[in-house]
Protein backbone atom coordinates (compact mmCIF):
# COMPACT_ATOMS: atom_id res chain seq x y z
CA MET A 1 -26.31 -7.33 -13.97
CA ASP A 2 -27.96 -4.39 -14.04
CA ILE A 3 -26.51 -1.57 -16.38
CA PRO A 4 -25.26 0.50 -13.92
CA LEU A 5 -23.20 -2.27 -12.34
CA LEU A 6 -21.92 -3.36 -15.86
CA ALA A 7 -20.70 0.09 -16.60
CA GLY A 8 -19.25 0.75 -12.92
CA THR A 9 -17.68 -2.80 -13.92
CA LEU A 10 -16.40 -1.85 -16.67
CA SER A 11 -14.89 1.62 -15.84
CA THR A 12 -13.02 -0.01 -12.90
CA VAL A 13 -11.23 -2.25 -15.38
CA VAL A 14 -10.67 0.07 -18.20
CA PHE A 15 -9.18 3.22 -15.21
CA ALA A 16 -7.09 0.25 -13.11
CA VAL A 17 -5.30 -1.12 -16.55
CA SER A 18 -5.10 2.43 -18.04
CA ASN A 19 -2.50 2.97 -14.73
CA LEU A 20 -0.52 -0.07 -14.97
CA PRO A 21 2.24 0.80 -17.62
CA MET A 22 3.06 3.81 -15.49
CA LEU A 23 3.22 1.64 -12.24
CA ARG A 24 5.05 -1.09 -14.06
CA LYS A 25 7.45 1.41 -15.46
CA ALA A 26 8.29 2.83 -11.81
CA LEU A 27 8.92 -0.21 -10.48
CA ARG A 28 10.60 -1.99 -12.95
CA THR A 29 12.97 1.31 -13.64
CA ARG A 30 12.63 3.04 -10.42
CA ASP A 31 12.82 6.24 -11.62
CA VAL A 32 10.27 8.17 -10.12
CA ALA A 33 12.35 11.88 -10.51
CA SER A 34 9.49 13.32 -12.43
CA TYR A 35 7.29 12.86 -9.16
CA SER A 36 6.00 15.50 -7.04
CA VAL A 37 6.32 14.43 -3.02
CA SER A 38 4.13 16.64 -2.02
CA SER A 39 1.23 15.40 -4.90
CA LEU A 40 1.79 11.87 -3.77
CA LEU A 41 0.97 13.13 0.01
CA MET A 42 -1.66 14.57 -0.86
CA ILE A 43 -3.34 11.97 -2.99
CA ASN A 44 -2.14 9.52 -0.53
CA CYS A 45 -3.82 11.67 2.28
CA ALA A 46 -7.07 12.14 0.12
CA ASN A 47 -7.55 8.35 -0.60
CA ALA A 48 -7.50 7.56 2.98
CA ALA A 49 -10.11 10.17 3.76
CA TYR A 50 -12.30 9.23 0.80
CA SER A 51 -11.70 5.77 2.15
CA LEU A 52 -13.87 6.54 4.41
CA TYR A 53 -16.51 6.81 2.38
CA VAL A 54 -16.17 4.26 -0.48
CA PHE A 55 -16.13 1.61 2.11
CA SER A 56 -19.35 2.48 3.89
CA LEU A 57 -20.81 2.08 0.42
CA PRO A 58 -22.30 -1.68 -0.14
CA PHE A 59 -19.63 -3.92 -1.94
CA GLY A 60 -19.25 -2.93 -5.84
CA PRO A 61 -16.76 -2.08 -8.51
CA ILE A 62 -16.21 1.28 -6.80
CA TRP A 63 -14.28 -1.18 -3.85
CA ALA A 64 -12.42 -2.59 -6.50
CA LEU A 65 -11.06 0.54 -8.12
CA HIS A 66 -10.54 2.83 -4.93
CA ALA A 67 -8.68 -0.30 -3.45
CA PHE A 68 -6.64 -0.12 -6.61
CA TYR A 69 -5.74 3.56 -6.38
CA VAL A 70 -4.93 3.29 -2.56
CA VAL A 71 -2.43 0.63 -3.08
CA SER A 72 -0.85 1.58 -6.44
CA CYS A 73 -0.78 5.33 -5.09
CA GLY A 74 0.79 3.99 -1.40
CA ILE A 75 3.42 2.27 -4.22
CA MET A 76 4.26 5.42 -5.87
CA LEU A 77 4.63 7.10 -2.64
CA VAL A 78 7.01 5.07 -1.45
CA LEU A 79 8.87 4.24 -4.76
CA CYS A 80 9.44 7.98 -4.41
CA LEU A 81 10.51 8.46 -0.91
CA ARG A 82 12.87 5.90 -1.25
CA ALA A 83 14.59 7.41 -4.12
CA ARG A 84 14.83 10.84 -2.50
CA ARG A 85 16.09 9.09 0.44
CA LEU A 86 18.83 7.43 -1.35
CA ALA A 87 19.50 11.05 -3.56
CA CYS A 88 20.31 12.37 -0.22
CA ASP A 89 22.64 9.99 1.54
CA LYS A 90 24.78 9.80 -2.26
CA GLU A 91 24.99 13.74 -1.98
CA THR A 92 25.73 13.16 1.99
CA HIS A 93 28.10 10.27 1.38
CA PRO A 94 29.17 9.91 -2.12
CA SER A 95 31.49 6.82 -1.58
CA GLY A 96 28.75 5.40 0.45
CA GLY A 97 25.32 5.33 -1.97
CA ASN A 98 25.87 2.00 -3.46
CA GLN A 99 26.19 0.05 0.16
CA PRO A 100 23.56 -2.16 1.07
CA VAL A 101 21.80 -0.86 3.63
CA GLY A 102 23.23 -1.83 7.08
CA ALA A 103 26.89 -2.84 5.76
CA PRO A 104 29.98 -0.99 7.33
CA ARG A 105 30.30 2.67 5.54
CA PRO A 106 34.14 3.06 4.46
CA ASP A 107 33.85 6.50 5.19
CA VAL A 108 32.82 6.30 9.45
CA ILE A 109 35.16 5.08 11.74
CA ALA A 110 33.73 2.70 14.22
């Protein structure tokens, strides 16, 4: 393995591992109130555009790193949008906020 490939592999592992605690905490607690939806949207759009470049490169560590970023940023966006939607549902229908999805709501007459 040559030096640039070794450096790329090592930095990929370090970057990915450094993001795992934040991602693990967000998945475990579902507390994403401090995240900005607009920032996460921009990051995901940038990742989509950057994918056109990265995946045109020969297979290597950058593919793994970028794939990790795409997946982790996508997860964060989904968690953030879900949390915002649930917060809006609780504000709109305070008595139905803890109902399972699809369950009849006590405040809605069929």
